[in-house]
PDB file of N, CA and C in Angstrom:
ATOM      1  N   MET A   1       1.239   4.414 -12.428  1.00  0.00           N
ATOM      2  CA  MET A   1       2.121   3.295 -12.214  1.00  0.00           C
ATOM      3  C   MET A   1       2.830   4.455 -11.103  1.00  0.00           C
ATOM      4  N   MET A   2       3.827   3.584 -10.239  1.00  0.00           N
ATOM      5  CA  MET A   2       4.607   3.412  -9.296  1.00  0.00           C
ATOM      6  C   MET A   2       5.628   4.179  -9.713  1.00  0.00           C
ATOM      7  N   PRO A   3       5.851   5.961  -8.894  1.00  0.00           N
ATOM      8  CA  PRO A   3       6.881   6.441  -9.322  1.00  0.00           C
ATOM      9  C   PRO A   3       8.311   5.959  -8.858  1.00  0.00           C
ATOM     10  N   GLN A   4       9.153   5.854  -9.753  1.00  0.00           N
ATOM     11  CA  GLN A   4      10.645   5.056  -9.892  1.00  0.00           C
ATOM     12  C   GLN A   4      11.365   5.737  -9.037  1.00  0.00           C
ATOM     13  N   ALA A   5      11.811   7.172  -9.698  1.00  0.00           N
ATOM     14  CA  ALA A   5      12.423   7.783  -8.931  1.00  0.00           C
ATOM     15  C   ALA A   5      12.681   8.158  -6.833  1.00  0.00           C
ATOM     16  N   ALA A   6      10.939   8.742  -6.485  1.00  0.00           N
ATOM     17  CA  ALA A   6      11.346   8.979  -5.558  1.00  0.00           C
ATOM     18  C   ALA A   6      11.158   7.689  -4.440  1.00  0.00           C
ATOM     19  N   ILE A   7      10.798   7.887  -3.563  1.00  0.00           N
ATOM     20  CA  ILE A   7      10.692   6.702  -2.589  1.00  0.00           C
ATOM     21  C   ILE A   7       9.192   6.889  -2.578  1.00  0.00           C
ATOM     22  N   ALA A   8       8.403   5.701  -2.698  1.00  0.00           N
ATOM     23  CA  ALA A   8       7.112   5.733  -2.691  1.00  0.00           C
ATOM     24  C   ALA A   8       6.518   5.138  -1.311  1.00  0.00           C
ATOM     25  N   THR A   9       4.888   5.360  -1.308  1.00  0.00           N
ATOM     26  CA  THR A   9       4.434   5.065  -0.123  1.00  0.00           C
ATOM     27  C   THR A   9       3.507   4.120  -0.850  1.00  0.00           C
ATOM     28  N   LEU A  10       2.543   3.337  -0.029  1.00  0.00           N
ATOM     29  CA  LEU A  10       1.123   3.224  -0.653  1.00  0.00           C
ATOM     30  C   LEU A  10       0.346   3.881  -0.999  1.00  0.00           C
ATOM     31  N   ALA A  11       0.124   5.329  -0.707  1.00  0.00           N
ATOM     32  CA  ALA A  11      -0.644   6.340  -1.255  1.00  0.00           C
ATOM     33  C   ALA A  11      -0.037   6.741  -2.383  1.00  0.00           C
ATOM     34  N   ASP A  12       0.765   7.004  -3.045  1.00  0.00           N
ATOM     35  CA  ASP A  12       0.916   7.429  -4.236  1.00  0.00           C
ATOM     36  C   ASP A  12       0.810   5.895  -5.744  1.00  0.00           C
ATOM     37  N   LEU A  13       0.322   5.134  -5.165  1.00  0.00           N
ATOM     38  CA  LEU A  13       0.085   3.714  -5.857  1.00  0.00           C
ATOM     39  C   LEU A  13      -1.204   4.568  -6.814  1.00  0.00           C
ATOM     40  N   GLU A  14      -1.123   3.739  -8.318  1.00  0.00           N
ATOM     41  CA  GLU A  14      -2.366   3.556  -8.516  1.00  0.00           C
ATOM     42  C   GLU A  14      -2.989   2.121  -8.769  1.00  0.00           C
ATOM     43  N   PRO A  15      -4.412   2.545  -9.650  1.00  0.00           N
ATOM     44  CA  PRO A  15      -4.629   0.665  -9.255  1.00  0.00           C
ATOM     45  C   PRO A  15      -4.104   0.016 -10.477  1.00  0.00           C
ATOM     46  N   GLY A  16      -4.468  -1.337  -9.384  1.00  0.00           N
ATOM     47  CA  GLY A  16      -3.877  -2.425 -10.444  1.00  0.00           C
ATOM     48  C   GLY A  16      -1.875  -2.644  -9.845  1.00  0.00           C
ATOM     49  N   ASP A  17      -1.583  -1.295  -9.128  1.00  0.00           N
ATOM     50  CA  ASP A  17      -0.051  -1.626  -8.859  1.00  0.00           C
ATOM     51  C   ASP A  17       0.039  -2.537  -7.609  1.00  0.00           C
ATOM     52  N   ARG A  18       1.252  -3.694  -7.873  1.00  0.00           N
ATOM     53  CA  ARG A  18       1.348  -4.569  -6.989  1.00  0.00           C
ATOM     54  C   ARG A  18       2.637  -4.557  -6.416  1.00  0.00           C
ATOM     55  N   VAL A  19       2.917  -4.297  -4.915  1.00  0.00           N
ATOM     56  CA  VAL A  19       4.048  -3.833  -4.450  1.00  0.00           C
ATOM     57  C   VAL A  19       4.462  -4.812  -3.232  1.00  0.00           C
ATOM     58  N   GLU A  20       5.685  -4.315  -2.794  1.00  0.00           N
ATOM     59  CA  GLU A  20       5.884  -5.305  -1.308  1.00  0.00           C
ATOM     60  C   GLU A  20       6.176  -4.055  -0.396  1.00  0.00           C
ATOM     61  N   ILE A  21       5.783  -4.183   0.891  1.00  0.00           N
ATOM     62  CA  ILE A  21       6.080  -3.406   1.867  1.00  0.00           C
ATOM     63  C   ILE A  21       7.363  -3.439   2.271  1.00  0.00           C
ATOM     64  N   ALA A  22       8.095  -2.349   1.961  1.00  0.00           N
ATOM     65  CA  ALA A  22       9.402  -2.311   2.438  1.00  0.00           C
ATOM     66  C   ALA A  22       9.652  -1.879   3.688  1.00  0.00           C
ATOM     67  N   ARG A  23       9.183  -1.134   4.268  1.00  0.00           N
ATOM     68  CA  ARG A  23       9.197  -0.179   5.495  1.00  0.00           C
ATOM     69  C   ARG A  23       8.015   0.543   6.445  1.00  0.00           C
ATOM     70  N   ILE A  24       8.186   0.347   7.545  1.00  0.00           N
ATOM     71  CA  ILE A  24       6.715   1.227   7.915  1.00  0.00           C
ATOM     72  C   ILE A  24       7.389   2.167   9.003  1.00  0.00           C
ATOM     73  N   VAL A  25       6.616   3.414   8.855  1.00  0.00           N
ATOM     74  CA  VAL A  25       7.148   4.731   9.630  1.00  0.00           C
ATOM     75  C   VAL A  25       6.191   4.855  10.281  1.00  0.00           C
ATOM     76  N   ASP A  26       6.627   5.914  11.453  1.00  0.00           N
ATOM     77  CA  ASP A  26       5.247   6.533  12.188  1.00  0.00           C
ATOM     78  C   ASP A  26       4.259   5.445  12.614  1.00  0.00           C
ATOM     79  N   ILE A  27       4.776   4.227  13.657  1.00  0.00           N
ATOM     80  CA  ILE A  27       4.091   3.431  14.119  1.00  0.00           C
ATOM     81  C   ILE A  27       3.178   3.822  15.344  1.00  0.00           C
ATOM     82  N   ASP A  28       1.920   4.047  15.152  1.00  0.00           N
ATOM     83  CA  ASP A  28       1.179   4.547  16.340  1.00  0.00           C
ATOM     84  C   ASP A  28      -0.150   3.172  16.131  1.00  0.00           C
ATOM     85  N   GLY A  29      -1.084   3.972  16.973  1.00  0.00           N
ATOM     86  CA  GLY A  29      -2.435   2.651  17.050  1.00  0.00           C
ATOM     87  C   GLY A  29      -2.813   2.359  16.017  1.00  0.00           C
ATOM     88  N   SER A  30      -3.399   3.069  15.157  1.00  0.00           N
ATOM     89  CA  SER A  30      -4.198   2.924  14.024  1.00  0.00           C
ATOM     90  C   SER A  30      -3.354   1.718  13.222  1.00  0.00           C
ATOM     91  N   VAL A  31      -1.840   1.896  12.829  1.00  0.00           N
ATOM     92  CA  VAL A  31      -0.913   1.338  11.837  1.00  0.00           C
ATOM     93  C   VAL A  31      -0.471   0.251  13.044  1.00  0.00           C
ATOM     94  N   GLU A  32      -0.584   0.156  13.999  1.00  0.00           N
ATOM     95  CA  GLU A  32      -0.198  -1.183  14.588  1.00  0.00           C
ATOM     96  C   GLU A  32      -1.771  -2.204  13.934  1.00  0.00           C
ATOM     97  N   ARG A  33      -2.637  -1.502  14.050  1.00  0.00           N
ATOM     98  CA  ARG A  33      -3.956  -2.380  14.094  1.00  0.00           C
ATOM     99  C   ARG A  33      -3.979  -3.355  12.565  1.00  0.00           C
ATOM    100  N   LEU A  34      -3.511  -2.415  11.435  1.00  0.00           N
ATOM    101  CA  LEU A  34      -3.031  -2.354  10.309  1.00  0.00           C
ATOM    102  C   LEU A  34      -1.853  -3.787   9.958  1.00  0.00           C
ATOM    103  N   MET A  35      -1.441  -3.190  10.850  1.00  0.00           N
ATOM    104  CA  MET A  35       0.121  -4.932  10.743  1.00  0.00           C
ATOM    105  C   MET A  35      -0.724  -6.064  11.111  1.00  0.00           C
ATOM    106  N   VAL A  36      -1.613  -6.345  12.323  1.00  0.00           N
ATOM    107  CA  VAL A  36      -2.059  -6.781  13.081  1.00  0.00           C
ATOM    108  C   VAL A  36      -3.018  -7.791  11.590  1.00  0.00           C
ATOM    109  N   MET A  37      -3.620  -6.850  10.840  1.00  0.00           N
ATOM    110  CA  MET A  37      -4.103  -7.299   9.614  1.00  0.00           C
ATOM    111  C   MET A  37      -3.335  -7.713   8.189  1.00  0.00           C
ATOM    112  N   GLY A  38      -2.085  -7.885   8.483  1.00  0.00           N
ATOM    113  CA  GLY A  38      -1.152  -8.191   7.533  1.00  0.00           C
ATOM    114  C   GLY A  38      -0.177  -7.330   6.340  1.00  0.00           C
ATOM    115  N   LEU A  39      -0.781  -6.225   6.882  1.00  0.00           N
ATOM    116  CA  LEU A  39       0.279  -5.105   6.664  1.00  0.00           C
ATOM    117  C   LEU A  39       1.690  -4.801   7.017  1.00  0.00           C
ATOM    118  N   VAL A  40       2.606  -5.659   6.771  1.00  0.00           N
ATOM    119  CA  VAL A  40       3.793  -6.199   7.754  1.00  0.00           C
ATOM    120  C   VAL A  40       4.775  -5.817   6.317  1.00  0.00           C
ATOM    121  N   GLU A  41       5.941  -5.481   6.814  1.00  0.00           N
ATOM    122  CA  GLU A  41       7.295  -5.495   5.920  1.00  0.00           C
ATOM    123  C   GLU A  41       7.193  -7.248   5.377  1.00  0.00           C
ATOM    124  N   GLY A  42       7.306  -6.851   4.009  1.00  0.00           N
ATOM    125  CA  GLY A  42       7.644  -8.118   3.050  1.00  0.00           C
ATOM    126  C   GLY A  42       6.112  -8.754   2.869  1.00  0.00           C
ATOM    127  N   ALA A  43       5.244  -8.066   3.146  1.00  0.00           N
ATOM    128  CA  ALA A  43       3.881  -8.485   2.533  1.00  0.00           C
ATOM    129  C   ALA A  43       3.464  -7.944   1.042  1.00  0.00           C
ATOM    130  N   GLU A  44       2.458  -8.598   0.161  1.00  0.00           N
ATOM    131  CA  GLU A  44       2.499  -8.345  -1.111  1.00  0.00           C
ATOM    132  C   GLU A  44       1.030  -7.969  -1.308  1.00  0.00           C
ATOM    133  N   VAL A  45       1.392  -6.600  -1.480  1.00  0.00           N
ATOM    134  CA  VAL A  45      -0.434  -5.801  -1.426  1.00  0.00           C
ATOM    135  C   VAL A  45      -0.424  -5.013  -2.636  1.00  0.00           C
ATOM    136  N   GLU A  46      -1.677  -5.207  -3.103  1.00  0.00           N
ATOM    137  CA  GLU A  46      -2.360  -5.182  -4.633  1.00  0.00           C
ATOM    138  C   GLU A  46      -3.165  -3.436  -4.353  1.00  0.00           C
ATOM    139  N   TYR A  47      -3.024  -2.375  -4.742  1.00  0.00           N
ATOM    140  CA  TYR A  47      -4.047  -0.909  -4.697  1.00  0.00           C
ATOM    141  C   TYR A  47      -5.047  -1.486  -5.719  1.00  0.00           C
ATOM    142  N   VAL A  48      -6.288  -1.396  -5.266  1.00  0.00           N
ATOM    143  CA  VAL A  48      -7.715  -1.760  -6.055  1.00  0.00           C
ATOM    144  C   VAL A  48      -8.068  -0.126  -6.284  1.00  0.00           C
ATOM    145  N   ARG A  49      -8.595   0.517  -5.420  1.00  0.00           N
ATOM    146  CA  ARG A  49      -9.381   1.957  -5.797  1.00  0.00           C
ATOM    147  C   ARG A  49      -9.397   2.530  -4.683  1.00  0.00           C
ATOM    148  N   CYS A  50      -9.405   3.916  -4.919  1.00  0.00           N
ATOM    149  CA  CYS A  50     -10.150   4.822  -3.811  1.00  0.00           C
ATOM    150  C   CYS A  50     -11.134   5.078  -4.166  1.00  0.00           C
ATOM    151  N   ALA A  51     -12.034   5.677  -3.055  1.00  0.00           N
ATOM    152  CA  ALA A  51     -13.352   6.073  -3.016  1.00  0.00           C
ATOM    153  C   ALA A  51     -13.566   7.153  -3.419  1.00  0.00           C
ATOM    154  N   LEU A  52     -14.447   7.935  -3.953  1.00  0.00           N
ATOM    155  CA  LEU A  52     -14.811   9.278  -4.176  1.00  0.00           C
ATOM    156  C   LEU A  52     -14.299  10.162  -3.744  1.00  0.00           C
ATOM    157  N   GLY A  53     -13.680  11.154  -3.818  1.00  0.00           N
ATOM    158  CA  GLY A  53     -13.051  12.263  -3.141  1.00  0.00           C
ATOM    159  C   GLY A  53     -11.619  11.714  -2.761  1.00  0.00           C
ATOM    160  N   GLY A  54     -11.134  10.505  -3.381  1.00  0.00           N
ATOM    161  CA  GLY A  54      -9.684  10.068  -3.023  1.00  0.00           C
ATOM    162  C   GLY A  54      -9.622   9.481  -1.282  1.00  0.00           C
ATOM    163  N   ASP A  55     -10.333   9.319  -0.474  1.00  0.00           N
ATOM    164  CA  ASP A  55     -10.357   8.572   0.472  1.00  0.00           C
ATOM    165  C   ASP A  55     -11.397   8.038   0.903  1.00  0.00           C
ATOM    166  N   PRO A  56     -11.145   6.699   1.532  1.00  0.00           N
ATOM    167  CA  PRO A  56     -10.253   5.798   1.947  1.00  0.00           C
ATOM    168  C   PRO A  56      -9.484   5.331   0.131  1.00  0.00           C
ATOM    169  N   LEU A  57      -8.599   4.353   0.541  1.00  0.00           N
ATOM    170  CA  LEU A  57      -8.024   3.576  -0.665  1.00  0.00           C
ATOM    171  C   LEU A  57      -8.152   1.931  -0.098  1.00  0.00           C
ATOM    172  N   GLU A  58      -8.117   1.422  -1.089  1.00  0.00           N
ATOM    173  CA  GLU A  58      -8.712  -0.417  -1.328  1.00  0.00           C
ATOM    174  C   GLU A  58      -7.545  -0.477  -1.755  1.00  0.00           C
ATOM    175  N   PHE A  59      -6.826  -1.650  -0.594  1.00  0.00           N
ATOM    176  CA  PHE A  59      -5.945  -2.600  -1.204  1.00  0.00           C
ATOM    177  C   PHE A  59      -6.369  -4.137  -0.602  1.00  0.00           C
ATOM    178  N   ARG A  60      -5.547  -4.935  -1.413  1.00  0.00           N
ATOM    179  CA  ARG A  60      -5.645  -7.058  -1.368  1.00  0.00           C
ATOM    180  C   ARG A  60      -4.291  -7.032  -0.637  1.00  0.00           C
ATOM    181  N   VAL A  61      -4.774  -7.673   0.532  1.00  0.00           N
ATOM    182  CA  VAL A  61      -3.341  -8.080   0.833  1.00  0.00           C
ATOM    183  C   VAL A  61      -4.061  -9.713   1.873  1.00  0.00           C
ATOM    184  N   HIS A  62      -3.264 -10.592   1.331  1.00  0.00           N
ATOM    185  CA  HIS A  62      -3.315 -11.932   1.351  1.00  0.00           C
ATOM    186  C   HIS A  62      -4.992 -12.514   0.985  1.00  0.00           C
ATOM    187  N   GLY A  63      -5.307 -11.809   0.192  1.00  0.00           N
ATOM    188  CA  GLY A  63      -6.477 -12.144  -0.261  1.00  0.00           C
ATOM    189  C   GLY A  63      -7.600 -11.348   0.278  1.00  0.00           C
ATOM    190  N   ALA A  64      -8.064 -10.646   0.992  1.00  0.00           N
ATOM    191  CA  ALA A  64      -8.532  -9.591   1.861  1.00  0.00           C
ATOM    192  C   ALA A  64      -8.306  -8.395   1.285  1.00  0.00           C
ATOM    193  N   ALA A  65      -9.792  -7.613   0.929  1.00  0.00           N
ATOM    194  CA  ALA A  65      -9.774  -5.926   1.110  1.00  0.00           C
ATOM    195  C   ALA A  65      -9.279  -5.431   2.648  1.00  0.00           C
ATOM    196  N   VAL A  66      -8.484  -4.496   2.075  1.00  0.00           N
ATOM    197  CA  VAL A  66      -8.098  -3.615   3.617  1.00  0.00           C
ATOM    198  C   VAL A  66      -8.352  -2.167   2.888  1.00  0.00           C
ATOM    199  N   SER A  67      -9.262  -0.960   3.929  1.00  0.00           N
ATOM    200  CA  SER A  67      -8.916  -0.279   3.032  1.00  0.00           C
ATOM    201  C   SER A  67      -8.426   1.058   4.764  1.00  0.00           C
ATOM    202  N   LEU A  68      -7.444   2.084   3.972  1.00  0.00           N
ATOM    203  CA  LEU A  68      -6.412   2.367   5.040  1.00  0.00           C
ATOM    204  C   LEU A  68      -6.686   4.388   4.351  1.00  0.00           C
ATOM    205  N   ARG A  69      -6.982   5.244   5.331  1.00  0.00           N
ATOM    206  CA  ARG A  69      -6.797   6.493   5.086  1.00  0.00           C
ATOM    207  C   ARG A  69      -5.419   6.724   4.371  1.00  0.00           C
ATOM    208  N   ARG A  70      -5.771   7.814   3.837  1.00  0.00           N
ATOM    209  CA  ARG A  70      -4.457   8.189   2.512  1.00  0.00           C
ATOM    210  C   ARG A  70      -3.289   8.621   3.577  1.00  0.00           C
ATOM    211  N   ALA A  71      -3.617   8.875   4.785  1.00  0.00           N
ATOM    212  CA  ALA A  71      -2.264   9.080   6.127  1.00  0.00           C
ATOM    213  C   ALA A  71      -2.202   8.131   6.438  1.00  0.00           C
ATOM    214  N   GLN A  72      -2.559   6.967   6.904  1.00  0.00           N
ATOM    215  CA  GLN A  72      -1.848   6.089   7.418  1.00  0.00           C
ATOM    216  C   GLN A  72      -1.051   5.357   6.135  1.00  0.00           C
ATOM    217  N   ALA A  73      -2.249   5.284   4.714  1.00  0.00           N
ATOM    218  CA  ALA A  73      -1.208   4.532   3.648  1.00  0.00           C
ATOM    219  C   ALA A  73       0.636   5.581   3.454  1.00  0.00           C
ATOM    220  N   ARG A  74       0.440   6.565   4.014  1.00  0.00           N
ATOM    221  CA  ARG A  74       1.684   6.834   4.030  1.00  0.00           C
ATOM    222  C   ARG A  74       2.776   7.008   4.794  1.00  0.00           C
ATOM    223  N   CYS A  75       2.483   5.564   5.654  1.00  0.00           N
ATOM    224  CA  CYS A  75       3.557   5.295   6.478  1.00  0.00           C
ATOM    225  C   CYS A  75       3.388   3.942   6.030  1.00  0.00           C
ATOM    226  N   PHE A  76       3.678   3.555   5.155  1.00  0.00           N
ATOM    227  CA  PHE A  76       4.029   1.850   4.415  1.00  0.00           C
ATOM    228  C   PHE A  76       4.801   2.499   2.994  1.00  0.00           C
ATOM    229  N   THR A  77       6.140   2.003   3.210  1.00  0.00           N
ATOM    230  CA  THR A  77       7.187   2.672   2.558  1.00  0.00           C
ATOM    231  C   THR A  77       7.368   1.478   1.152  1.00  0.00           C
ATOM    232  N   VAL A  78       7.242   1.649  -0.018  1.00  0.00           N
ATOM    233  CA  VAL A  78       6.681  -0.032  -0.791  1.00  0.00           C
ATOM    234  C   VAL A  78       7.665   0.215  -1.977  1.00  0.00           C
ATOM    235  N   MET A  79       8.370  -0.857  -2.753  1.00  0.00           N
ATOM    236  CA  MET A  79       8.737  -1.270  -4.071  1.00  0.00           C
ATOM    237  C   MET A  79       8.119  -2.180  -4.525  1.00  0.00           C
ATOM    238  N   PRO A  80       8.369  -2.105  -6.039  1.00  0.00           N
ATOM    239  CA  PRO A  80       7.992  -3.085  -6.993  1.00  0.00           C
ATOM    240  C   PRO A  80       7.820  -4.633  -6.459  1.00  0.00           C
ATOM    241  N   VAL A  81       7.067  -5.294  -6.697  1.00  0.00           N
ATOM    242  CA  VAL A  81       7.265  -6.564  -6.613  1.00  0.00           C
ATOM    243  C   VAL A  81       8.179  -7.397  -7.766  1.00  0.00           C
ATOM    244  N   LYS A  82       9.525  -7.948  -7.451  1.00  0.00           N
ATOM    245  CA  LYS A  82      10.051  -8.512  -8.510  1.00  0.00           C
ATOM    246  C   LYS A  82       9.491  -9.442  -9.406  1.00  0.00           C
ATOM    247  N   GLY A  83       9.633  -9.489 -10.717  1.00  0.00           N
ATOM    248  CA  GLY A  83       8.872 -10.135 -11.595  1.00  0.00           C
ATOM    249  C   GLY A  83       7.998  -9.605 -11.992  1.00  0.00           C
ATOM    250  N   HIS A  84       6.999  -8.564 -11.532  1.00  0.00           N
ATOM    251  CA  HIS A  84       5.698  -8.093 -11.841  1.00  0.00           C
ATOM    252  C   HIS A  84       5.898  -6.853 -12.596  1.00  0.00           C
ATOM    253  N   VAL A  85       4.817  -7.167 -13.656  1.00  0.00           N
ATOM    254  CA  VAL A  85       5.087  -5.774 -14.823  1.00  0.00           C
ATOM    255  C   VAL A  85       3.735  -5.112 -14.430  1.00  0.00           C
ATOM    256  N   GLN A  86       4.587  -3.466 -13.917  1.00  0.00           N
ATOM    257  CA  GLN A  86       3.409  -2.434 -13.595  1.00  0.00           C
ATOM    258  C   GLN A  86       2.203  -2.274 -14.910  1.00  0.00           C
ATOM    259  N   PRO A  87       0.671  -2.659 -14.976  1.00  0.00           N
ATOM    260  CA  PRO A  87       0.049  -1.993 -15.279  1.00  0.00           C
ATOM    261  C   PRO A  87       0.324  -0.390 -16.653  1.00  0.00           C
ATOM    262  N   GLY A  88       0.017  -0.185 -17.514  1.00  0.00           N
ATOM    263  CA  GLY A  88       0.433   1.122 -18.062  1.00  0.00           C
ATOM    264  C   GLY A  88       0.987   1.641 -18.856  1.00  0.00           C
TER     265      GLY A  88
END
């Protein structure tokens, strides 16, 4: 379940968590490409799973599966989706 006290990023989520991207930090070329694929402020994202070893992470955004390295996922600050109860 997504931590409530600390600022969470996409890297902090657990499978099934649905969040909204609140802020994007450390925008570099790889993060810009992810933004073109729909990972922008206000987008709703669901964490699906991670690969063995913990990297990459798979998310669903606008119905498409997107894989991010954990370092990239830390660039996206998130907040819970209003009206959605996190599993667990």
